[in-house]
Amino acid sequence: MYKVGVVGDKDSILAFKALGIDVYPANDKFEARRNIDTMALQDYAVIFLTEQLAQDLQETIERYNKKLVPAIILIPSNQGTLNIGKQRISDYVEKAVGVNIL
């Protein structure tokens, strides 16, 4: 059975624990990369990642985008959004439909 997890700074991801999602705090991009790689090997189907860490992990995200699992979903942190996640979704929709409908 696949699992769901979240990687980010402790303050941003702690609430996910109440939802039953596995929480992996990361203070820097190296710790976040290690957590993502470990989760990918442990049958995680969905990994939520804060946008603040994602901006430094583009190559790691792209590596997993080429695979079926895990899906890495970008979420805003408690510091606000950088609109990276929203832009990625918009780009995917435009690629699939041929026009930006969002």
PDB file of N, CA and C in Angstrom:
ATOM      1  N   MET A   1       0.841  -1.175   0.000  1.00  0.00           N
ATOM      2  CA  MET A   1       0.000   0.000   0.000  1.00  0.00           C
ATOM      3  C   MET A   1       0.889   1.242   0.000  1.00  0.00           C
ATOM      4  N   TYR A   2       0.525   2.194  -0.816  1.00  0.00           N
ATOM      5  CA  TYR A   2       1.305   3.422  -0.920  1.00  0.00           C
ATOM      6  C   TYR A   2       1.010   4.365   0.240  1.00  0.00           C
ATOM      7  N   LYS A   3       1.976   5.242   0.525  1.00  0.00           N
ATOM      8  CA  LYS A   3       1.857   6.177   1.633  1.00  0.00           C
ATOM      9  C   LYS A   3       1.934   7.613   1.119  1.00  0.00           C
ATOM     10  N   VAL A   4       1.574   8.557   1.993  1.00  0.00           N
ATOM     11  CA  VAL A   4       1.625   9.984   1.690  1.00  0.00           C
ATOM     12  C   VAL A   4       2.489  10.641   2.755  1.00  0.00           C
ATOM     13  N   GLY A   5       3.374  11.544   2.324  1.00  0.00           N
ATOM     14  CA  GLY A   5       4.245  12.236   3.259  1.00  0.00           C
ATOM     15  C   GLY A   5       4.425  13.689   2.872  1.00  0.00           C
ATOM     16  N   VAL A   6       5.000  14.446   3.784  1.00  0.00           N
ATOM     17  CA  VAL A   6       5.244  15.868   3.552  1.00  0.00           C
ATOM     18  C   VAL A   6       6.637  16.231   4.061  1.00  0.00           C
ATOM     19  N   VAL A   7       7.336  17.073   3.275  1.00  0.00           N
ATOM     20  CA  VAL A   7       8.676  17.536   3.619  1.00  0.00           C
ATOM     21  C   VAL A   7       8.660  19.056   3.640  1.00  0.00           C
ATOM     22  N   GLY A   8       9.224  19.630   4.688  1.00  0.00           N
ATOM     23  CA  GLY A   8       9.287  21.085   4.787  1.00  0.00           C
ATOM     24  C   GLY A   8       9.765  21.501   6.163  1.00  0.00           C
ATOM     25  N   ASP A   9       9.740  22.801   6.393  1.00  0.00           N
ATOM     26  CA  ASP A   9      10.134  23.281   7.726  1.00  0.00           C
ATOM     27  C   ASP A   9       9.074  22.858   8.740  1.00  0.00           C
ATOM     28  N   LYS A  10       9.513  22.642   9.958  1.00  0.00           N
ATOM     29  CA  LYS A  10       8.666  22.066  11.001  1.00  0.00           C
ATOM     30  C   LYS A  10       7.371  22.852  11.225  1.00  0.00           C
ATOM     31  N   ASP A  11       7.451  24.165  11.241  1.00  0.00           N
ATOM     32  CA  ASP A  11       6.270  24.980  11.500  1.00  0.00           C
ATOM     33  C   ASP A  11       5.218  24.847  10.395  1.00  0.00           C
ATOM     34  N   SER A  12       5.662  24.633   9.172  1.00  0.00           N
ATOM     35  CA  SER A  12       4.738  24.560   8.043  1.00  0.00           C
ATOM     36  C   SER A  12       4.054  23.205   7.906  1.00  0.00           C
ATOM     37  N   ILE A  13       4.708  22.143   8.355  1.00  0.00           N
ATOM     38  CA  ILE A  13       4.188  20.806   8.070  1.00  0.00           C
ATOM     39  C   ILE A  13       3.595  20.082   9.266  1.00  0.00           C
ATOM     40  N   LEU A  14       3.733  20.638  10.449  1.00  0.00           N
ATOM     41  CA  LEU A  14       3.271  19.953  11.656  1.00  0.00           C
ATOM     42  C   LEU A  14       1.777  19.630  11.618  1.00  0.00           C
ATOM     43  N   ALA A  15       0.973  20.496  11.025  1.00  0.00           N
ATOM     44  CA  ALA A  15      -0.471  20.265  10.975  1.00  0.00           C
ATOM     45  C   ALA A  15      -0.835  19.027  10.158  1.00  0.00           C
ATOM     46  N   PHE A  16       0.009  18.643   9.220  1.00  0.00           N
ATOM     47  CA  PHE A  16      -0.263  17.459   8.407  1.00  0.00           C
ATOM     48  C   PHE A  16      -0.264  16.185   9.246  1.00  0.00           C
ATOM     49  N   LYS A  17       0.454  16.209  10.347  1.00  0.00           N
ATOM     50  CA  LYS A  17       0.519  15.046  11.231  1.00  0.00           C
ATOM     51  C   LYS A  17      -0.871  14.711  11.787  1.00  0.00           C
ATOM     52  N   ALA A  18      -1.672  15.729  12.047  1.00  0.00           N
ATOM     53  CA  ALA A  18      -3.029  15.520  12.565  1.00  0.00           C
ATOM     54  C   ALA A  18      -3.920  14.831  11.531  1.00  0.00           C
ATOM     55  N   LEU A  19      -3.561  14.940  10.264  1.00  0.00           N
ATOM     56  CA  LEU A  19      -4.324  14.305   9.195  1.00  0.00           C
ATOM     57  C   LEU A  19      -3.859  12.885   8.917  1.00  0.00           C
ATOM     58  N   GLY A  20      -2.856  12.422   9.637  1.00  0.00           N
ATOM     59  CA  GLY A  20      -2.343  11.077   9.449  1.00  0.00           C
ATOM     60  C   GLY A  20      -1.281  10.968   8.368  1.00  0.00           C
ATOM     61  N   ILE A  21      -0.769  12.099   7.915  1.00  0.00           N
ATOM     62  CA  ILE A  21       0.272  12.126   6.895  1.00  0.00           C
ATOM     63  C   ILE A  21       1.630  12.101   7.579  1.00  0.00           C
ATOM     64  N   ASP A  22       2.550  11.301   7.056  1.00  0.00           N
ATOM     65  CA  ASP A  22       3.893  11.218   7.629  1.00  0.00           C
ATOM     66  C   ASP A  22       4.630  12.534   7.403  1.00  0.00           C
ATOM     67  N   VAL A  23       5.262  13.037   8.447  1.00  0.00           N
ATOM     68  CA  VAL A  23       5.907  14.349   8.431  1.00  0.00           C
ATOM     69  C   VAL A  23       7.417  14.173   8.515  1.00  0.00           C
ATOM     70  N   TYR A  24       8.135  14.829   7.589  1.00  0.00           N
ATOM     71  CA  TYR A  24       9.596  14.786   7.557  1.00  0.00           C
ATOM     72  C   TYR A  24      10.141  16.213   7.562  1.00  0.00           C
ATOM     73  N   PRO A  25      10.463  16.754   8.743  1.00  0.00           N
ATOM     74  CA  PRO A  25      10.999  18.108   8.807  1.00  0.00           C
ATOM     75  C   PRO A  25      12.380  18.188   8.153  1.00  0.00           C
ATOM     76  N   ALA A  26      12.627  19.303   7.478  1.00  0.00           N
ATOM     77  CA  ALA A  26      13.927  19.527   6.844  1.00  0.00           C
ATOM     78  C   ALA A  26      14.302  20.993   7.033  1.00  0.00           C
ATOM     79  N   ASN A  27      15.524  21.215   7.503  1.00  0.00           N
ATOM     80  CA  ASN A  27      15.995  22.575   7.740  1.00  0.00           C
ATOM     81  C   ASN A  27      16.729  23.171   6.555  1.00  0.00           C
ATOM     82  N   ASP A  28      17.185  22.325   5.620  1.00  0.00           N
ATOM     83  CA  ASP A  28      17.901  22.819   4.446  1.00  0.00           C
ATOM     84  C   ASP A  28      17.654  21.893   3.260  1.00  0.00           C
ATOM     85  N   LYS A  29      18.166  22.282   2.096  1.00  0.00           N
ATOM     86  CA  LYS A  29      17.899  21.521   0.874  1.00  0.00           C
ATOM     87  C   LYS A  29      18.543  20.142   0.901  1.00  0.00           C
ATOM     88  N   PHE A  30      19.647  19.985   1.593  1.00  0.00           N
ATOM     89  CA  PHE A  30      20.313  18.688   1.654  1.00  0.00           C
ATOM     90  C   PHE A  30      19.492  17.678   2.453  1.00  0.00           C
ATOM     91  N   GLU A  31      18.960  18.128   3.572  1.00  0.00           N
ATOM     92  CA  GLU A  31      18.109  17.276   4.392  1.00  0.00           C
ATOM     93  C   GLU A  31      16.803  16.955   3.648  1.00  0.00           C
ATOM     94  N   ALA A  32      16.261  17.930   2.946  1.00  0.00           N
ATOM     95  CA  ALA A  32      15.035  17.713   2.182  1.00  0.00           C
ATOM     96  C   ALA A  32      15.272  16.701   1.068  1.00  0.00           C
ATOM     97  N   ARG A  33      16.383  16.818   0.343  1.00  0.00           N
ATOM     98  CA  ARG A  33      16.710  15.874  -0.734  1.00  0.00           C
ATOM     99  C   ARG A  33      16.859  14.462  -0.178  1.00  0.00           C
ATOM    100  N   ARG A  34      17.529  14.334   0.944  1.00  0.00           N
ATOM    101  CA  ARG A  34      17.710  13.024   1.576  1.00  0.00           C
ATOM    102  C   ARG A  34      16.361  12.428   1.978  1.00  0.00           C
ATOM    103  N   ASN A  35      15.478  13.271   2.550  1.00  0.00           N
ATOM    104  CA  ASN A  35      14.152  12.793   2.939  1.00  0.00           C
ATOM    105  C   ASN A  35      13.341  12.332   1.724  1.00  0.00           C
ATOM    106  N   ILE A  36      13.378  13.101   0.642  1.00  0.00           N
ATOM    107  CA  ILE A  36      12.627  12.745  -0.562  1.00  0.00           C
ATOM    108  C   ILE A  36      13.140  11.437  -1.147  1.00  0.00           C
ATOM    109  N   ASP A  37      14.452  11.288  -1.241  1.00  0.00           N
ATOM    110  CA  ASP A  37      15.024  10.056  -1.789  1.00  0.00           C
ATOM    111  C   ASP A  37      14.674   8.849  -0.928  1.00  0.00           C
ATOM    112  N   THR A  38      14.716   9.013   0.376  1.00  0.00           N
ATOM    113  CA  THR A  38      14.351   7.929   1.289  1.00  0.00           C
ATOM    114  C   THR A  38      12.880   7.567   1.144  1.00  0.00           C
ATOM    115  N   MET A  39      12.020   8.580   1.058  1.00  0.00           N
ATOM    116  CA  MET A  39      10.587   8.329   0.921  1.00  0.00           C
ATOM    117  C   MET A  39      10.281   7.634  -0.399  1.00  0.00           C
ATOM    118  N   ALA A  40      10.976   7.989  -1.451  1.00  0.00           N
ATOM    119  CA  ALA A  40      10.755   7.371  -2.764  1.00  0.00           C
ATOM    120  C   ALA A  40      11.064   5.874  -2.717  1.00  0.00           C
ATOM    121  N   LEU A  41      12.045   5.497  -1.922  1.00  0.00           N
ATOM    122  CA  LEU A  41      12.405   4.085  -1.783  1.00  0.00           C
ATOM    123  C   LEU A  41      11.460   3.324  -0.857  1.00  0.00           C
ATOM    124  N   GLN A  42      10.647   4.043  -0.086  1.00  0.00           N
ATOM    125  CA  GLN A  42       9.771   3.422   0.899  1.00  0.00           C
ATOM    126  C   GLN A  42       8.305   3.447   0.482  1.00  0.00           C
ATOM    127  N   ASP A  43       8.017   3.394  -0.804  1.00  0.00           N
ATOM    128  CA  ASP A  43       6.651   3.289  -1.329  1.00  0.00           C
ATOM    129  C   ASP A  43       5.747   4.468  -0.999  1.00  0.00           C
ATOM    130  N   TYR A  44       6.273   5.677  -1.057  1.00  0.00           N
ATOM    131  CA  TYR A  44       5.436   6.868  -0.931  1.00  0.00           C
ATOM    132  C   TYR A  44       4.940   7.228  -2.323  1.00  0.00           C
ATOM    133  N   ALA A  45       3.633   7.346  -2.480  1.00  0.00           N
ATOM    134  CA  ALA A  45       3.047   7.683  -3.777  1.00  0.00           C
ATOM    135  C   ALA A  45       2.954   9.186  -3.963  1.00  0.00           C
ATOM    136  N   VAL A  46       2.729   9.913  -2.866  1.00  0.00           N
ATOM    137  CA  VAL A  46       2.593  11.364  -2.928  1.00  0.00           C
ATOM    138  C   VAL A  46       3.500  11.982  -1.865  1.00  0.00           C
ATOM    139  N   ILE A  47       4.292  12.950  -2.311  1.00  0.00           N
ATOM    140  CA  ILE A  47       5.154  13.697  -1.392  1.00  0.00           C
ATOM    141  C   ILE A  47       4.831  15.176  -1.566  1.00  0.00           C
ATOM    142  N   PHE A  48       4.320  15.786  -0.510  1.00  0.00           N
ATOM    143  CA  PHE A  48       4.099  17.223  -0.510  1.00  0.00           C
ATOM    144  C   PHE A  48       5.405  17.886  -0.088  1.00  0.00           C
ATOM    145  N   LEU A  49       5.771  18.960  -0.778  1.00  0.00           N
ATOM    146  CA  LEU A  49       7.027  19.655  -0.520  1.00  0.00           C
ATOM    147  C   LEU A  49       6.763  21.150  -0.500  1.00  0.00           C
ATOM    148  N   THR A  50       7.277  21.839   0.511  1.00  0.00           N
ATOM    149  CA  THR A  50       7.066  23.287   0.580  1.00  0.00           C
ATOM    150  C   THR A  50       7.812  23.985  -0.550  1.00  0.00           C
ATOM    151  N   GLU A  51       7.211  25.054  -1.049  1.00  0.00           N
ATOM    152  CA  GLU A  51       7.788  25.794  -2.174  1.00  0.00           C
ATOM    153  C   GLU A  51       9.162  26.381  -1.843  1.00  0.00           C
ATOM    154  N   GLN A  52       9.365  26.783  -0.595  1.00  0.00           N
ATOM    155  CA  GLN A  52      10.638  27.380  -0.211  1.00  0.00           C
ATOM    156  C   GLN A  52      11.789  26.385  -0.395  1.00  0.00           C
ATOM    157  N   LEU A  53      11.560  25.117  -0.065  1.00  0.00           N
ATOM    158  CA  LEU A  53      12.592  24.106  -0.284  1.00  0.00           C
ATOM    159  C   LEU A  53      12.652  23.692  -1.752  1.00  0.00           C
ATOM    160  N   ALA A  54      11.506  23.679  -2.409  1.00  0.00           N
ATOM    161  CA  ALA A  54      11.440  23.230  -3.804  1.00  0.00           C
ATOM    162  C   ALA A  54      12.259  24.100  -4.743  1.00  0.00           C
ATOM    163  N   GLN A  55      12.352  25.379  -4.454  1.00  0.00           N
ATOM    164  CA  GLN A  55      13.101  26.261  -5.354  1.00  0.00           C
ATOM    165  C   GLN A  55      14.580  25.896  -5.417  1.00  0.00           C
ATOM    166  N   ASP A  56      15.088  25.184  -4.407  1.00  0.00           N
ATOM    167  CA  ASP A  56      16.485  24.745  -4.400  1.00  0.00           C
ATOM    168  C   ASP A  56      16.651  23.281  -4.812  1.00  0.00           C
ATOM    169  N   LEU A  57      15.538  22.610  -5.116  1.00  0.00           N
ATOM    170  CA  LEU A  57      15.580  21.173  -5.421  1.00  0.00           C
ATOM    171  C   LEU A  57      15.024  20.850  -6.806  1.00  0.00           C
ATOM    172  N   GLN A  58      15.201  21.738  -7.757  1.00  0.00           N
ATOM    173  CA  GLN A  58      14.617  21.540  -9.089  1.00  0.00           C
ATOM    174  C   GLN A  58      15.075  20.249  -9.755  1.00  0.00           C
ATOM    175  N   GLU A  59      16.346  19.917  -9.644  1.00  0.00           N
ATOM    176  CA  GLU A  59      16.838  18.700 -10.305  1.00  0.00           C
ATOM    177  C   GLU A  59      16.253  17.439  -9.670  1.00  0.00           C
ATOM    178  N   THR A  60      16.084  17.441  -8.363  1.00  0.00           N
ATOM    179  CA  THR A  60      15.478  16.300  -7.682  1.00  0.00           C
ATOM    180  C   THR A  60      14.020  16.154  -8.086  1.00  0.00           C
ATOM    181  N   ILE A  61      13.298  17.253  -8.139  1.00  0.00           N
ATOM    182  CA  ILE A  61      11.893  17.231  -8.538  1.00  0.00           C
ATOM    183  C   ILE A  61      11.754  16.741  -9.972  1.00  0.00           C
ATOM    184  N   GLU A  62      12.593  17.225 -10.864  1.00  0.00           N
ATOM    185  CA  GLU A  62      12.541  16.801 -12.268  1.00  0.00           C
ATOM    186  C   GLU A  62      12.854  15.320 -12.419  1.00  0.00           C
ATOM    187  N   ARG A  63      13.780  14.820 -11.610  1.00  0.00           N
ATOM    188  CA  ARG A  63      14.128  13.394 -11.665  1.00  0.00           C
ATOM    189  C   ARG A  63      12.905  12.537 -11.339  1.00  0.00           C
ATOM    190  N   TYR A  64      12.137  12.934 -10.330  1.00  0.00           N
ATOM    191  CA  TYR A  64      10.959  12.152  -9.945  1.00  0.00           C
ATOM    192  C   TYR A  64       9.754  12.446 -10.838  1.00  0.00           C
ATOM    193  N   ASN A  65       9.743  13.574 -11.536  1.00  0.00           N
ATOM    194  CA  ASN A  65       8.660  13.854 -12.485  1.00  0.00           C
ATOM    195  C   ASN A  65       8.678  12.879 -13.648  1.00  0.00           C
ATOM    196  N   LYS A  66       9.832  12.292 -13.928  1.00  0.00           N
ATOM    197  CA  LYS A  66       9.959  11.336 -15.025  1.00  0.00           C
ATOM    198  C   LYS A  66       9.489   9.939 -14.636  1.00  0.00           C
ATOM    199  N   LYS A  67       9.177   9.746 -13.366  1.00  0.00           N
ATOM    200  CA  LYS A  67       8.734   8.446 -12.867  1.00  0.00           C
ATOM    201  C   LYS A  67       7.253   8.509 -12.519  1.00  0.00           C
ATOM    202  N   LEU A  68       6.636   7.347 -12.458  1.00  0.00           N
ATOM    203  CA  LEU A  68       5.215   7.274 -12.119  1.00  0.00           C
ATOM    204  C   LEU A  68       4.966   7.666 -10.663  1.00  0.00           C
ATOM    205  N   VAL A  69       5.755   7.131  -9.769  1.00  0.00           N
ATOM    206  CA  VAL A  69       5.658   7.471  -8.344  1.00  0.00           C
ATOM    207  C   VAL A  69       7.047   7.754  -7.818  1.00  0.00           C
ATOM    208  N   PRO A  70       7.196   8.621  -6.895  1.00  0.00           N
ATOM    209  CA  PRO A  70       6.184   9.415  -6.217  1.00  0.00           C
ATOM    210  C   PRO A  70       5.854  10.696  -6.995  1.00  0.00           C
ATOM    211  N   ALA A  71       4.649  11.171  -6.789  1.00  0.00           N
ATOM    212  CA  ALA A  71       4.254  12.481  -7.311  1.00  0.00           C
ATOM    213  C   ALA A  71       4.657  13.520  -6.271  1.00  0.00           C
ATOM    214  N   ILE A  72       5.408  14.521  -6.703  1.00  0.00           N
ATOM    215  CA  ILE A  72       5.828  15.581  -5.783  1.00  0.00           C
ATOM    216  C   ILE A  72       4.947  16.794  -6.031  1.00  0.00           C
ATOM    217  N   ILE A  73       4.194  17.163  -5.002  1.00  0.00           N
ATOM    218  CA  ILE A  73       3.240  18.265  -5.069  1.00  0.00           C
ATOM    219  C   ILE A  73       3.776  19.416  -4.232  1.00  0.00           C
ATOM    220  N   LEU A  74       3.891  20.585  -4.837  1.00  0.00           N
ATOM    221  CA  LEU A  74       4.409  21.757  -4.121  1.00  0.00           C
ATOM    222  C   LEU A  74       3.284  22.467  -3.389  1.00  0.00           C
ATOM    223  N   ILE A  75       3.565  22.830  -2.147  1.00  0.00           N
ATOM    224  CA  ILE A  75       2.591  23.526  -1.309  1.00  0.00           C
ATOM    225  C   ILE A  75       3.249  24.765  -0.710  1.00  0.00           C
ATOM    226  N   PRO A  76       2.464  25.787  -0.399  1.00  0.00           N
ATOM    227  CA  PRO A  76       3.045  26.967   0.261  1.00  0.00           C
ATOM    228  C   PRO A  76       3.431  26.636   1.702  1.00  0.00           C
ATOM    229  N   SER A  77       4.373  27.378   2.223  1.00  0.00           N
ATOM    230  CA  SER A  77       4.755  27.204   3.624  1.00  0.00           C
ATOM    231  C   SER A  77       3.993  28.217   4.467  1.00  0.00           C
ATOM    232  N   ASN A  78       4.298  28.237   5.751  1.00  0.00           N
ATOM    233  CA  ASN A  78       3.649  29.211   6.626  1.00  0.00           C
ATOM    234  C   ASN A  78       4.131  30.635   6.348  1.00  0.00           C
ATOM    235  N   GLN A  79       5.179  30.789   5.541  1.00  0.00           N
ATOM    236  CA  GLN A  79       5.693  32.109   5.176  1.00  0.00           C
ATOM    237  C   GLN A  79       4.975  32.676   3.959  1.00  0.00           C
ATOM    238  N   GLY A  80       4.088  31.904   3.379  1.00  0.00           N
ATOM    239  CA  GLY A  80       3.349  32.357   2.205  1.00  0.00           C
ATOM    240  C   GLY A  80       3.745  31.573   0.968  1.00  0.00           C
ATOM    241  N   THR A  81       3.146  31.943  -0.143  1.00  0.00           N
ATOM    242  CA  THR A  81       3.379  31.227  -1.381  1.00  0.00           C
ATOM    243  C   THR A  81       4.382  31.954  -2.270  1.00  0.00           C
ATOM    244  N   LEU A  82       5.090  31.182  -3.067  1.00  0.00           N
ATOM    245  CA  LEU A  82       5.987  31.723  -4.083  1.00  0.00           C
ATOM    246  C   LEU A  82       5.386  31.530  -5.476  1.00  0.00           C
ATOM    247  N   ASN A  83       4.184  30.963  -5.520  1.00  0.00           N
ATOM    248  CA  ASN A  83       3.446  30.676  -6.756  1.00  0.00           C
ATOM    249  C   ASN A  83       4.152  29.680  -7.672  1.00  0.00           C
ATOM    250  N   ILE A  84       5.109  28.935  -7.156  1.00  0.00           N
ATOM    251  CA  ILE A  84       5.795  27.922  -7.955  1.00  0.00           C
ATOM    252  C   ILE A  84       4.849  26.764  -8.246  1.00  0.00           C
ATOM    253  N   GLY A  85       4.140  26.298  -7.229  1.00  0.00           N
ATOM    254  CA  GLY A  85       3.212  25.180  -7.397  1.00  0.00           C
ATOM    255  C   GLY A  85       2.084  25.525  -8.355  1.00  0.00           C
ATOM    256  N   LYS A  86       1.530  26.704  -8.207  1.00  0.00           N
ATOM    257  CA  LYS A  86       0.447  27.147  -9.088  1.00  0.00           C
ATOM    258  C   LYS A  86       0.923  27.247 -10.533  1.00  0.00           C
ATOM    259  N   GLN A  87       2.134  27.744 -10.732  1.00  0.00           N
ATOM    260  CA  GLN A  87       2.692  27.874 -12.086  1.00  0.00           C
ATOM    261  C   GLN A  87       2.925  26.504 -12.708  1.00  0.00           C
ATOM    262  N   ARG A  88       3.395  25.539 -11.910  1.00  0.00           N
ATOM    263  CA  ARG A  88       3.613  24.177 -12.432  1.00  0.00           C
ATOM    264  C   ARG A  88       2.304  23.556 -12.887  1.00  0.00           C
ATOM    265  N   ILE A  89       1.252  23.717 -12.102  1.00  0.00           N
ATOM    266  CA  ILE A  89      -0.056  23.165 -12.480  1.00  0.00           C
ATOM    267  C   ILE A  89      -0.545  23.832 -13.755  1.00  0.00           C
ATOM    268  N   SER A  90      -0.396  25.127 -13.843  1.00  0.00           N
ATOM    269  CA  SER A  90      -0.803  25.860 -15.036  1.00  0.00           C
ATOM    270  C   SER A  90      -0.035  25.372 -16.269  1.00  0.00           C
ATOM    271  N   ASP A  91       1.263  25.145 -16.116  1.00  0.00           N
ATOM    272  CA  ASP A  91       2.080  24.640 -17.216  1.00  0.00           C
ATOM    273  C   ASP A  91       1.636  23.243 -17.650  1.00  0.00           C
ATOM    274  N   TYR A  92       1.319  22.379 -16.684  1.00  0.00           N
ATOM    275  CA  TYR A  92       0.867  21.020 -17.008  1.00  0.00           C
ATOM    276  C   TYR A  92      -0.471  21.039 -17.732  1.00  0.00           C
ATOM    277  N   VAL A  93      -1.377  21.900 -17.285  1.00  0.00           N
ATOM    278  CA  VAL A  93      -2.684  22.007 -17.939  1.00  0.00           C
ATOM    279  C   VAL A  93      -2.512  22.509 -19.368  1.00  0.00           C
ATOM    280  N   GLU A  94      -1.680  23.510 -19.549  1.00  0.00           N
ATOM    281  CA  GLU A  94      -1.444  24.049 -20.887  1.00  0.00           C
ATOM    282  C   GLU A  94      -0.809  23.003 -21.800  1.00  0.00           C
ATOM    283  N   LYS A  95       0.087  22.215 -21.272  1.00  0.00           N
ATOM    284  CA  LYS A  95       0.723  21.152 -22.055  1.00  0.00           C
ATOM    285  C   LYS A  95      -0.292  20.079 -22.454  1.00  0.00           C
ATOM    286  N   ALA A  96      -1.172  19.734 -21.529  1.00  0.00           N
ATOM    287  CA  ALA A  96      -2.155  18.675 -21.793  1.00  0.00           C
ATOM    288  C   ALA A  96      -3.279  19.146 -22.712  1.00  0.00           C
ATOM    289  N   VAL A  97      -3.756  20.364 -22.541  1.00  0.00           N
ATOM    290  CA  VAL A  97      -4.910  20.866 -23.277  1.00  0.00           C
ATOM    291  C   VAL A  97      -4.500  21.638 -24.530  1.00  0.00           C
ATOM    292  N   GLY A  98      -3.340  22.261 -24.484  1.00  0.00           N
ATOM    293  CA  GLY A  98      -2.873  23.051 -25.600  1.00  0.00           C
ATOM    294  C   GLY A  98      -3.096  24.540 -25.420  1.00  0.00           C
ATOM    295  N   VAL A  99      -3.825  24.886 -24.385  1.00  0.00           N
ATOM    296  CA  VAL A  99      -4.118  26.283 -24.092  1.00  0.00           C
ATOM    297  C   VAL A  99      -4.253  26.424 -22.583  1.00  0.00           C
ATOM    298  N   ASN A 100      -3.866  27.552 -22.042  1.00  0.00           N
ATOM    299  CA  ASN A 100      -3.986  27.778 -20.615  1.00  0.00           C
ATOM    300  C   ASN A 100      -5.427  28.135 -20.281  1.00  0.00           C
ATOM    301  N   ILE A 101      -6.164  27.191 -19.692  1.00  0.00           N
ATOM    302  CA  ILE A 101      -7.566  27.420 -19.347  1.00  0.00           C
ATOM    303  C   ILE A 101      -7.741  27.927 -17.923  1.00  0.00           C
ATOM    304  N   LEU A 102      -6.635  28.021 -17.199  1.00  0.00           N
ATOM    305  CA  LEU A 102      -6.719  28.505 -15.818  1.00  0.00           C
ATOM    306  C   LEU A 102      -6.517  30.002 -15.810  1.00  0.00           C
TER     307      LEU A 102
END
